[in-house]
């Protein structure tokens, strides 16, 4: 899972509705979330084209140069 997805899931499941008395309580909730998430790991499969977008689309540099 990409890190953005992990933080989104953490926010939805723990932080958004949690009431924490301090940093220690928040850290404990995050650690519980990570432990539960790691009990049933799901591999992330990258599906994006590895070619940089500048090479696929003809180049962002060309677009920028045409503006200046």
PDB file of N, CA and C in Angstrom:
ATOM      1  N   UNK A   1       0.860  -1.167   0.000  1.00  0.00           N
ATOM      2  CA  UNK A   1       0.000   0.000   0.000  1.00  0.00           C
ATOM      3  C   UNK A   1       0.908   1.233   0.000  1.00  0.00           C
ATOM      4  N   UNK A   2       0.683   2.158  -0.895  1.00  0.00           N
ATOM      5  CA  UNK A   2       1.496   3.368  -0.882  1.00  0.00           C
ATOM      6  C   UNK A   2       1.290   4.117   0.435  1.00  0.00           C
ATOM      7  N   UNK A   3       2.265   4.898   0.780  1.00  0.00           N
ATOM      8  CA  UNK A   3       2.221   5.579   2.075  1.00  0.00           C
ATOM      9  C   UNK A   3       1.003   6.508   2.193  1.00  0.00           C
ATOM     10  N   UNK A   4       0.575   7.113   1.085  1.00  0.00           N
ATOM     11  CA  UNK A   4      -0.597   7.990   1.146  1.00  0.00           C
ATOM     12  C   UNK A   4      -1.837   7.200   1.529  1.00  0.00           C
ATOM     13  N   UNK A   5      -1.962   6.003   0.977  1.00  0.00           N
ATOM     14  CA  UNK A   5      -3.099   5.150   1.307  1.00  0.00           C
ATOM     15  C   UNK A   5      -3.072   4.707   2.756  1.00  0.00           C
ATOM     16  N   UNK A   6      -1.878   4.410   3.240  1.00  0.00           N
ATOM     17  CA  UNK A   6      -1.737   4.006   4.643  1.00  0.00           C
ATOM     18  C   UNK A   6      -2.167   5.131   5.576  1.00  0.00           C
ATOM     19  N   UNK A   7      -1.717   6.354   5.294  1.00  0.00           N
ATOM     20  CA  UNK A   7      -2.104   7.479   6.146  1.00  0.00           C
ATOM     21  C   UNK A   7      -3.589   7.787   6.042  1.00  0.00           C
ATOM     22  N   UNK A   8      -4.162   7.633   4.850  1.00  0.00           N
ATOM     23  CA  UNK A   8      -5.605   7.863   4.692  1.00  0.00           C
ATOM     24  C   UNK A   8      -6.395   6.849   5.519  1.00  0.00           C
ATOM     25  N   UNK A   9      -5.980   5.594   5.458  1.00  0.00           N
ATOM     26  CA  UNK A   9      -6.659   4.547   6.224  1.00  0.00           C
ATOM     27  C   UNK A   9      -6.502   4.786   7.720  1.00  0.00           C
ATOM     28  N   UNK A  10      -5.314   5.170   8.133  1.00  0.00           N
ATOM     29  CA  UNK A  10      -5.070   5.491   9.543  1.00  0.00           C
ATOM     30  C   UNK A  10      -5.984   6.624   9.993  1.00  0.00           C
ATOM     31  N   UNK A  11      -6.093   7.663   9.191  1.00  0.00           N
ATOM     32  CA  UNK A  11      -6.936   8.803   9.537  1.00  0.00           C
ATOM     33  C   UNK A  11      -8.398   8.383   9.651  1.00  0.00           C
ATOM     34  N   UNK A  12      -8.864   7.607   8.671  1.00  0.00           N
ATOM     35  CA  UNK A  12     -10.265   7.176   8.688  1.00  0.00           C
ATOM     36  C   UNK A  12     -10.568   6.288   9.882  1.00  0.00           C
ATOM     37  N   UNK A  13      -9.683   5.371  10.182  1.00  0.00           N
ATOM     38  CA  UNK A  13      -9.989   4.356  11.180  1.00  0.00           C
ATOM     39  C   UNK A  13      -9.627   4.739  12.610  1.00  0.00           C
ATOM     40  N   UNK A  14      -8.663   5.586  12.794  1.00  0.00           N
ATOM     41  CA  UNK A  14      -8.217   5.870  14.161  1.00  0.00           C
ATOM     42  C   UNK A  14      -8.278   7.339  14.549  1.00  0.00           C
ATOM     43  N   UNK A  15      -7.575   8.143  13.819  1.00  0.00           N
ATOM     44  CA  UNK A  15      -7.368   9.518  14.264  1.00  0.00           C
ATOM     45  C   UNK A  15      -8.631  10.358  14.186  1.00  0.00           C
ATOM     46  N   UNK A  16      -9.429  10.167  13.140  1.00  0.00           N
ATOM     47  CA  UNK A  16     -10.578  11.036  12.907  1.00  0.00           C
ATOM     48  C   UNK A  16     -11.603  10.959  14.042  1.00  0.00           C
ATOM     49  N   UNK A  17     -11.848   9.759  14.553  1.00  0.00           N
ATOM     50  CA  UNK A  17     -12.872   9.593  15.573  1.00  0.00           C
ATOM     51  C   UNK A  17     -12.299   9.284  16.953  1.00  0.00           C
ATOM     52  N   UNK A  18     -10.996   9.320  17.070  1.00  0.00           N
ATOM     53  CA  UNK A  18     -10.369   9.002  18.337  1.00  0.00           C
ATOM     54  C   UNK A  18     -10.285  10.218  19.253  1.00  0.00           C
ATOM     55  N   UNK A  19     -10.293   9.940  20.532  1.00  0.00           N
ATOM     56  CA  UNK A  19     -10.078  10.985  21.532  1.00  0.00           C
ATOM     57  C   UNK A  19      -8.798  10.604  22.278  1.00  0.00           C
ATOM     58  N   UNK A  20      -7.816  11.444  22.176  1.00  0.00           N
ATOM     59  CA  UNK A  20      -6.510  11.134  22.757  1.00  0.00           C
ATOM     60  C   UNK A  20      -6.173  12.164  23.820  1.00  0.00           C
ATOM     61  N   UNK A  21      -5.712  11.681  24.954  1.00  0.00           N
ATOM     62  CA  UNK A  21      -5.362  12.568  26.062  1.00  0.00           C
ATOM     63  C   UNK A  21      -4.004  13.213  25.882  1.00  0.00           C
ATOM     64  N   UNK A  22      -3.219  12.655  24.980  1.00  0.00           N
ATOM     65  CA  UNK A  22      -1.891  13.206  24.745  1.00  0.00           C
ATOM     66  C   UNK A  22      -1.179  12.438  23.647  1.00  0.00           C
ATOM     67  N   UNK A  23       0.058  12.806  23.451  1.00  0.00           N
ATOM     68  CA  UNK A  23       0.878  12.196  22.408  1.00  0.00           C
ATOM     69  C   UNK A  23       1.052  10.694  22.640  1.00  0.00           C
ATOM     70  N   UNK A  24       1.219  10.291  23.873  1.00  0.00           N
ATOM     71  CA  UNK A  24       1.435   8.872  24.183  1.00  0.00           C
ATOM     72  C   UNK A  24       0.223   8.051  23.764  1.00  0.00           C
ATOM     73  N   UNK A  25      -1.003   8.557  24.026  1.00  0.00           N
ATOM     74  CA  UNK A  25      -2.211   7.847  23.610  1.00  0.00           C
ATOM     75  C   UNK A  25      -2.309   7.757  22.083  1.00  0.00           C
ATOM     76  N   UNK A  26      -1.977   8.847  21.411  1.00  0.00           N
ATOM     77  CA  UNK A  26      -2.001   8.856  19.948  1.00  0.00           C
ATOM     78  C   UNK A  26      -0.983   7.867  19.385  1.00  0.00           C
ATOM     79  N   UNK A  27       0.220   7.862  19.941  1.00  0.00           N
ATOM     80  CA  UNK A  27       1.253   6.914  19.496  1.00  0.00           C
ATOM     81  C   UNK A  27       0.809   5.474  19.708  1.00  0.00           C
ATOM     82  N   UNK A  28       0.151   5.206  20.834  1.00  0.00           N
ATOM     83  CA  UNK A  28      -0.328   3.845  21.111  1.00  0.00           C
ATOM     84  C   UNK A  28      -1.390   3.441  20.090  1.00  0.00           C
ATOM     85  N   UNK A  29      -2.285   4.354  19.732  1.00  0.00           N
ATOM     86  CA  UNK A  29      -3.314   4.058  18.734  1.00  0.00           C
ATOM     87  C   UNK A  29      -2.689   3.786  17.368  1.00  0.00           C
ATOM     88  N   UNK A  30      -1.682   4.568  17.013  1.00  0.00           N
ATOM     89  CA  UNK A  30      -0.992   4.360  15.730  1.00  0.00           C
ATOM     90  C   UNK A  30      -0.274   3.017  15.732  1.00  0.00           C
ATOM     91  N   UNK A  31       0.388   2.691  16.820  1.00  0.00           N
ATOM     92  CA  UNK A  31       1.094   1.406  16.913  1.00  0.00           C
ATOM     93  C   UNK A  31       0.130   0.228  16.843  1.00  0.00           C
ATOM     94  N   UNK A  32      -1.061   0.337  17.486  1.00  0.00           N
ATOM     95  CA  UNK A  32      -2.069  -0.725  17.386  1.00  0.00           C
ATOM     96  C   UNK A  32      -2.554  -0.873  15.948  1.00  0.00           C
ATOM     97  N   UNK A  33      -2.783   0.265  15.282  1.00  0.00           N
ATOM     98  CA  UNK A  33      -3.222   0.243  13.892  1.00  0.00           C
ATOM     99  C   UNK A  33      -2.192  -0.460  13.013  1.00  0.00           C
ATOM    100  N   UNK A  34      -0.921  -0.127  13.172  1.00  0.00           N
ATOM    101  CA  UNK A  34       0.138  -0.744  12.371  1.00  0.00           C
ATOM    102  C   UNK A  34       0.241  -2.242  12.650  1.00  0.00           C
ATOM    103  N   UNK A  35       0.123  -2.626  13.915  1.00  0.00           N
ATOM    104  CA  UNK A  35       0.196  -4.050  14.263  1.00  0.00           C
ATOM    105  C   UNK A  35      -0.967  -4.811  13.638  1.00  0.00           C
ATOM    106  N   UNK A  36      -2.175  -4.243  13.701  1.00  0.00           N
ATOM    107  CA  UNK A  36      -3.343  -4.897  13.104  1.00  0.00           C
ATOM    108  C   UNK A  36      -3.219  -4.965  11.581  1.00  0.00           C
ATOM    109  N   UNK A  37      -2.730  -3.894  10.971  1.00  0.00           N
ATOM    110  CA  UNK A  37      -2.568  -3.854   9.519  1.00  0.00           C
ATOM    111  C   UNK A  37      -1.536  -4.875   9.067  1.00  0.00           C
ATOM    112  N   UNK A  38      -0.477  -5.040   9.834  1.00  0.00           N
ATOM    113  CA  UNK A  38       0.599  -5.964   9.474  1.00  0.00           C
ATOM    114  C   UNK A  38       0.243  -7.432   9.718  1.00  0.00           C
ATOM    115  N   UNK A  39      -0.846  -7.701  10.448  1.00  0.00           N
ATOM    116  CA  UNK A  39      -1.265  -9.084  10.657  1.00  0.00           C
ATOM    117  C   UNK A  39      -1.763  -9.713   9.362  1.00  0.00           C
ATOM    118  N   UNK A  40      -2.316  -8.898   8.476  1.00  0.00           N
ATOM    119  CA  UNK A  40      -2.848  -9.398   7.212  1.00  0.00           C
ATOM    120  C   UNK A  40      -2.305  -8.536   6.073  1.00  0.00           C
ATOM    121  N   UNK A  41      -1.004  -8.627   5.782  1.00  0.00           N
ATOM    122  CA  UNK A  41      -0.413  -7.752   4.770  1.00  0.00           C
ATOM    123  C   UNK A  41      -0.906  -8.076   3.363  1.00  0.00           C
ATOM    124  N   UNK A  42      -1.032  -7.040   2.557  1.00  0.00           N
ATOM    125  CA  UNK A  42      -1.416  -7.196   1.153  1.00  0.00           C
ATOM    126  C   UNK A  42      -0.331  -6.535   0.310  1.00  0.00           C
ATOM    127  N   UNK A  43       0.273  -7.295  -0.611  1.00  0.00           N
ATOM    128  CA  UNK A  43       1.348  -6.708  -1.421  1.00  0.00           C
ATOM    129  C   UNK A  43       0.807  -5.630  -2.353  1.00  0.00           C
ATOM    130  N   UNK A  44       1.620  -4.630  -2.570  1.00  0.00           N
ATOM    131  CA  UNK A  44       1.273  -3.561  -3.493  1.00  0.00           C
ATOM    132  C   UNK A  44       1.880  -3.889  -4.851  1.00  0.00           C
ATOM    133  N   UNK A  45       1.062  -3.847  -5.892  1.00  0.00           N
ATOM    134  CA  UNK A  45       1.526  -4.100  -7.248  1.00  0.00           C
ATOM    135  C   UNK A  45       1.495  -2.796  -8.023  1.00  0.00           C
ATOM    136  N   UNK A  46       2.660  -2.362  -8.467  1.00  0.00           N
ATOM    137  CA  UNK A  46       2.770  -1.109  -9.210  1.00  0.00           C
ATOM    138  C   UNK A  46       2.225  -1.318 -10.611  1.00  0.00           C
ATOM    139  N   UNK A  47       1.265  -0.499 -11.032  1.00  0.00           N
ATOM    140  CA  UNK A  47       0.653  -0.662 -12.348  1.00  0.00           C
ATOM    141  C   UNK A  47       0.918   0.516 -13.279  1.00  0.00           C
ATOM    142  N   UNK A  48       1.564   1.542 -12.804  1.00  0.00           N
ATOM    143  CA  UNK A  48       1.823   2.725 -13.624  1.00  0.00           C
ATOM    144  C   UNK A  48       2.917   2.447 -14.642  1.00  0.00           C
ATOM    145  N   UNK A  49       2.885   3.174 -15.725  1.00  0.00           N
ATOM    146  CA  UNK A  49       3.911   3.076 -16.757  1.00  0.00           C
ATOM    147  C   UNK A  49       5.215   3.646 -16.196  1.00  0.00           C
ATOM    148  N   UNK A  50       6.315   2.899 -16.217  1.00  0.00           N
ATOM    149  CA  UNK A  50       7.562   3.387 -15.638  1.00  0.00           C
ATOM    150  C   UNK A  50       8.249   4.465 -16.476  1.00  0.00           C
ATOM    151  N   UNK A  51       7.777   4.705 -17.691  1.00  0.00           N
ATOM    152  CA  UNK A  51       8.380   5.722 -18.541  1.00  0.00           C
ATOM    153  C   UNK A  51       8.024   7.099 -17.994  1.00  0.00           C
ATOM    154  N   UNK A  52       8.997   7.975 -17.780  1.00  0.00           N
ATOM    155  CA  UNK A  52       8.674   9.318 -17.285  1.00  0.00           C
ATOM    156  C   UNK A  52       7.671  10.020 -18.204  1.00  0.00           C
ATOM    157  N   UNK A  53       6.775  10.776 -17.616  1.00  0.00           N
ATOM    158  CA  UNK A  53       5.721  11.427 -18.392  1.00  0.00           C
ATOM    159  C   UNK A  53       6.292  12.387 -19.428  1.00  0.00           C
ATOM    160  N   UNK A  54       7.455  12.957 -19.152  1.00  0.00           N
ATOM    161  CA  UNK A  54       8.049  13.886 -20.111  1.00  0.00           C
ATOM    162  C   UNK A  54       8.437  13.171 -21.406  1.00  0.00           C
ATOM    163  N   UNK A  55       8.815  11.894 -21.318  1.00  0.00           N
ATOM    164  CA  UNK A  55       9.178  11.140 -22.521  1.00  0.00           C
ATOM    165  C   UNK A  55       7.939  10.630 -23.245  1.00  0.00           C
ATOM    166  N   UNK A  56       6.858  10.340 -22.488  1.00  0.00           N
ATOM    167  CA  UNK A  56       5.636   9.824 -23.094  1.00  0.00           C
ATOM    168  C   UNK A  56       4.886  10.910 -23.856  1.00  0.00           C
ATOM    169  N   UNK A  57       4.846  12.128 -23.312  1.00  0.00           N
ATOM    170  CA  UNK A  57       3.985  13.160 -23.880  1.00  0.00           C
ATOM    171  C   UNK A  57       4.730  14.121 -24.805  1.00  0.00           C
ATOM    172  N   UNK A  58       5.984  13.888 -25.044  1.00  0.00           N
ATOM    173  CA  UNK A  58       6.716  14.787 -25.919  1.00  0.00           C
ATOM    174  C   UNK A  58       7.527  15.806 -25.142  1.00  0.00           C
ATOM    175  N   UNK A  59       7.358  15.843 -23.854  1.00  0.00           N
ATOM    176  CA  UNK A  59       8.240  16.655 -23.038  1.00  0.00           C
ATOM    177  C   UNK A  59       7.612  17.879 -22.413  1.00  0.00           C
ATOM    178  N   UNK A  60       7.655  17.904 -21.111  1.00  0.00           N
ATOM    179  CA  UNK A  60       7.211  19.087 -20.391  1.00  0.00           C
ATOM    180  C   UNK A  60       8.163  20.243 -20.621  1.00  0.00           C
ATOM    181  N   UNK A  61       9.433  19.919 -20.863  1.00  0.00           N
ATOM    182  CA  UNK A  61      10.431  20.961 -21.108  1.00  0.00           C
ATOM    183  C   UNK A  61      10.076  21.745 -22.370  1.00  0.00           C
ATOM    184  N   UNK A  62       9.617  21.048 -23.404  1.00  0.00           N
ATOM    185  CA  UNK A  62       9.226  21.731 -24.635  1.00  0.00           C
ATOM    186  C   UNK A  62       8.054  22.675 -24.382  1.00  0.00           C
ATOM    187  N   UNK A  63       7.123  22.234 -23.567  1.00  0.00           N
ATOM    188  CA  UNK A  63       5.966  23.078 -23.253  1.00  0.00           C
ATOM    189  C   UNK A  63       6.414  24.321 -22.497  1.00  0.00           C
ATOM    190  N   UNK A  64       7.315  24.148 -21.548  1.00  0.00           N
ATOM    191  CA  UNK A  64       7.803  25.293 -20.782  1.00  0.00           C
ATOM    192  C   UNK A  64       8.580  26.261 -21.666  1.00  0.00           C
ATOM    193  N   UNK A  65       9.405  25.710 -22.557  1.00  0.00           N
ATOM    194  CA  UNK A  65      10.188  26.579 -23.446  1.00  0.00           C
ATOM    195  C   UNK A  65       9.299  27.375 -24.385  1.00  0.00           C
ATOM    196  N   UNK A  66       8.179  26.804 -24.784  1.00  0.00           N
ATOM    197  CA  UNK A  66       7.282  27.526 -25.696  1.00  0.00           C
ATOM    198  C   UNK A  66       6.595  28.686 -24.996  1.00  0.00           C
ATOM    199  N   UNK A  67       6.479  28.616 -23.667  1.00  0.00           N
ATOM    200  CA  UNK A  67       5.856  29.705 -22.907  1.00  0.00           C
ATOM    201  C   UNK A  67       6.816  30.889 -22.795  1.00  0.00           C
ATOM    202  N   UNK A  68       8.108  30.607 -22.652  1.00  0.00           N
ATOM    203  CA  UNK A  68       9.091  31.679 -22.424  1.00  0.00           C
ATOM    204  C   UNK A  68       9.646  32.151 -23.706  1.00  0.00           C
TER     205      UNK A  68
END
